[in-house]
Amino acid sequence: MNRQATVNLKESIVAVKLTLNGRVQGIGLRPAVARRALEQGLTGQISNSIQGVELIIEGPVDVVRRFEEGLDEHLPAGAWIQNRQREDVEISALIGFEIIESDLGGPLATHVPPDIAVCQECLSEISVPENRRYGYPMTSCTNCGPRYSIIKSMPYERAQTGMSEFVMCARCQTEYRSPADRRFHAQTNACAECGPRIWCHDATGREIANQRDAIKAAAAALQQGQIVALRGLGGYQLLVDATSEIAVEKLRQRKRRYGKPLAVMVSSLGEADKLVFLNDCERRELASSAAPIVLLQSRGNSGLAGRINAGLNTLGLMLPTTPLHWLLLQHCSFPVVVTSANREGEPLIYQRGNIETQLQSVADLWLEHDRPIERPIDDSVVRWMAGRRVTIRLARGLAPLPLNLESEIPLTALGGHQKAAFALNNGRQSILGPHIGDLNSLASCERYQEQLASVQQLYGVSQCGLAFDTHPDYFTSQWAARQSVPVDTVQHHHAHVVAGMLEQGWLDRQVLGVAFDGTGWGDDQTIWGGEFLLSTSTSYTRVAHLRSFCLPGGDSAIREPWRVAVSLVAQAAGREVAARLRLGTEQVEPLLKIIASKKFSPQTTSAGRLFDGVAALVLGVNRCDFEGQAAMLLEAVCDFSEAGCYEISLQVGKPVQLDWRPLILQILKDREAGVSPAVMAMRFHRGLARAVARLCNQFAPTPVVLGGGVFQNRCLVEFLVEEMEQNGQPLGLPGKIPPNDGGLAAGQLAVAVFRKKLKGTFRCV
């Protein structure tokens, strides 16, 4: 070969470095890229890093170009490239193509992978007797298995997860190193010979069985009506036979969960069809890689215990999330209740050392495994409404949720008090963290602080400014005030609205935010909750709200909706009419005496409490076991054939008031006339939707954003969509960010980021 030919050959070889950022770790991207490179005869290397995935590829210029152009088509399902950087680099004459490990420090730029439900390929393997993984309940591959719940630190490598203590056997190592194998560089790869083991023990701690026999023993216990505690992917769960009234009632009593609906797990979509009505979108949600609990319309005469979802027409349903769940269900001829293993009001239990002191008397049998859970996480809950998926609880499979929010200055938003979750920006990316729970107990507050510190460490956040709710009595607000960092407060309903703006990509616009919820601290130090805020990302003006009313007994009115009903009727029809109410209680007269007291009957504009009062009048709901129960019962009885609606008038002023008094008078009239509760419930929902649309129309063509827990109500949201169609206003509906307080931190973070950009500093309080 002459000198000129040698020069031309060298010029035809190029080396390119690609940095891919987004959802690129923990989903089999490196193995997929390596296989593609080897197929095309290219050399190079690929590694995880805090930036994302770094890829160096060498080869003929035409082949490298074709590789780059077709790269997206060969990425695994679920991969999402947010940013791609390309640069030419010096040729290193690499031999072959390698997947290498990387361990770098600093703020994390790539996404932390969420947990992925067991895939069909793994289910097929564990169901075939001839397969070496037959019946092995901890089976996973590059397409499924634990991710977030086992990660100690990023980048996502086995050595930095809870799987680090399990050394792969020779056959697993062969799979791990083979580009042609589905488990090529699967960080969770294991089998019965080298991986985590399972066993079961009774309430005294005595081991009864292990491996496949443990699953059979657990199934037998469920068949006998016992409560089984199963150590799942992100923590312990309590399981019972969903068709047994006795077992379900025993679970409620021991868990102290007396009213909240319980989720049910079935083995397949075919089994789901027997219990609920499914549209195509809901079917896809159930079978998705996130495998959330999906709220669905339940069928009558399904055979389920009535106490699972008493009074409701919806059922929370889920498919198996792990091979362990799937194998257990193969031994059961019935659907199974699956709920978190903690007493009501306490945090999810995930460490084996806490069992004896916290739950020993709750479960009859314990189905255990020894794979470490580094990060506890609950099950996600979603609902399909108005043509889109709405997240009710952001957790396993969906969290951490990336947010389209940029800031060079690290910030953390603390969320609220109920459905607590935090959000953060580390200077490289923003995320909304997983659901932690209500902060009503010391244990829950301690868990919140532990999780906050852990996630801040994971994303490389140290000292940073804090954003939090204006309510002075929230744990998050009080905790923030004790930290020696810059702080900023964000009004509760403004945070809801801005979370909706972030969801829609409208942070650069002015919107009319409709924030309907149960409780939020108002600027006038009263309880807000039925608000219309003309909002930007940094500020707002309260332009309208529901007419205020009092809550006799304060917090007692939240638990006892009949108190709200008395207050509403007294204001709408007079104290004499209120005194004659028959609400299943004899305490109306004493209650009327404290209505005028600001101390004992605080004022509110809460839409959530309005739902409570109407539910007491229409359905006779006198006591609630959990927040939102009355509203859920009211939605459940709606007669969709009813076209009428109650009137809510608009009182001109600054701000405008939505006067619900005509609505209450019409309800009282219908009660006297014997109109069915189903018709009255429907007239209430339609009337409220129509009034909201009329108010919004006064601000047309300004876009409208919905926020707050009331907009978890499918009936209300879909009626509002219908009513708003004539307004000519863009309508921002809830979606990935929970509309309830679980999404509050996302709005707080966005407000803090934009205030920082506007003013260059935090507002100190």
Foldseek 3Di string as FASTA:
>chain_A
DDPVVVVVVVVQKFKKKKQFAEQAALQCQQLLLLLVCVVLVWEWEWEQDLQGIITMIMDGPVSVVVCVVCVVVRGDPPDDGPDMDMDTDDDPPGDGYYYDYDDDDDFRQHDFAFAFFADPVQVVQCCDPVHQQPQPFQAHASHHGHTVQFAQADDDALCRGLFVVFDADPVQVVLCCDSVHRRPRNSSGHGPVTGKWKFKDFLVRHTDGTRNVRLLVVLVCQVVLFWEWEQDRFAIKIKHFQLDQVSVVLLCVLLVPQADAFAKEAADVVLVVLFFDDDPVRNCCQVGRQFFFEWGQTDPPSSGHCRNHPLFRIHGYTYHRTSSVNSSNVSHPGIMTIGAPARPPAWGHNDPVCCNVGPSPNGGMYMDIPRDGPHHWDGWYWYDFPHAIFTAFQTGSRPFPWFPDAFQFKEKEFFFAAQTWIWIDSNNTITTGGGTGGNPDPNSVVSSVVNVVSVCVNSRHDAHEYEYAPPCPHPSNVVNVPDPHFYFYDWQQLLLQLLLCRVVVNLVAWFWEFFAAAFTQDPVRFTEGGFTWRDHLADTFTQEFADKWWQAQPPVCQFFLCLLLLGLCCVQPNNVVSCPDDLPDNCSVVSVVCRPPCVRITMYRHPQSVLSNVLSLLVSRGGDSDRPPSNSSLLRLADVVAPAAFAFDWDDDRRIYGYCSSLSVVSVVCVVVVPHSNNNSNNHLLNVLLVVLVVSLVVPQGAYEYAEDVLVRNSNVNSNVVNNVVSNYHYRHHHSQHRHSSNSNVSSVSNQRVVCVVPVDHDGD
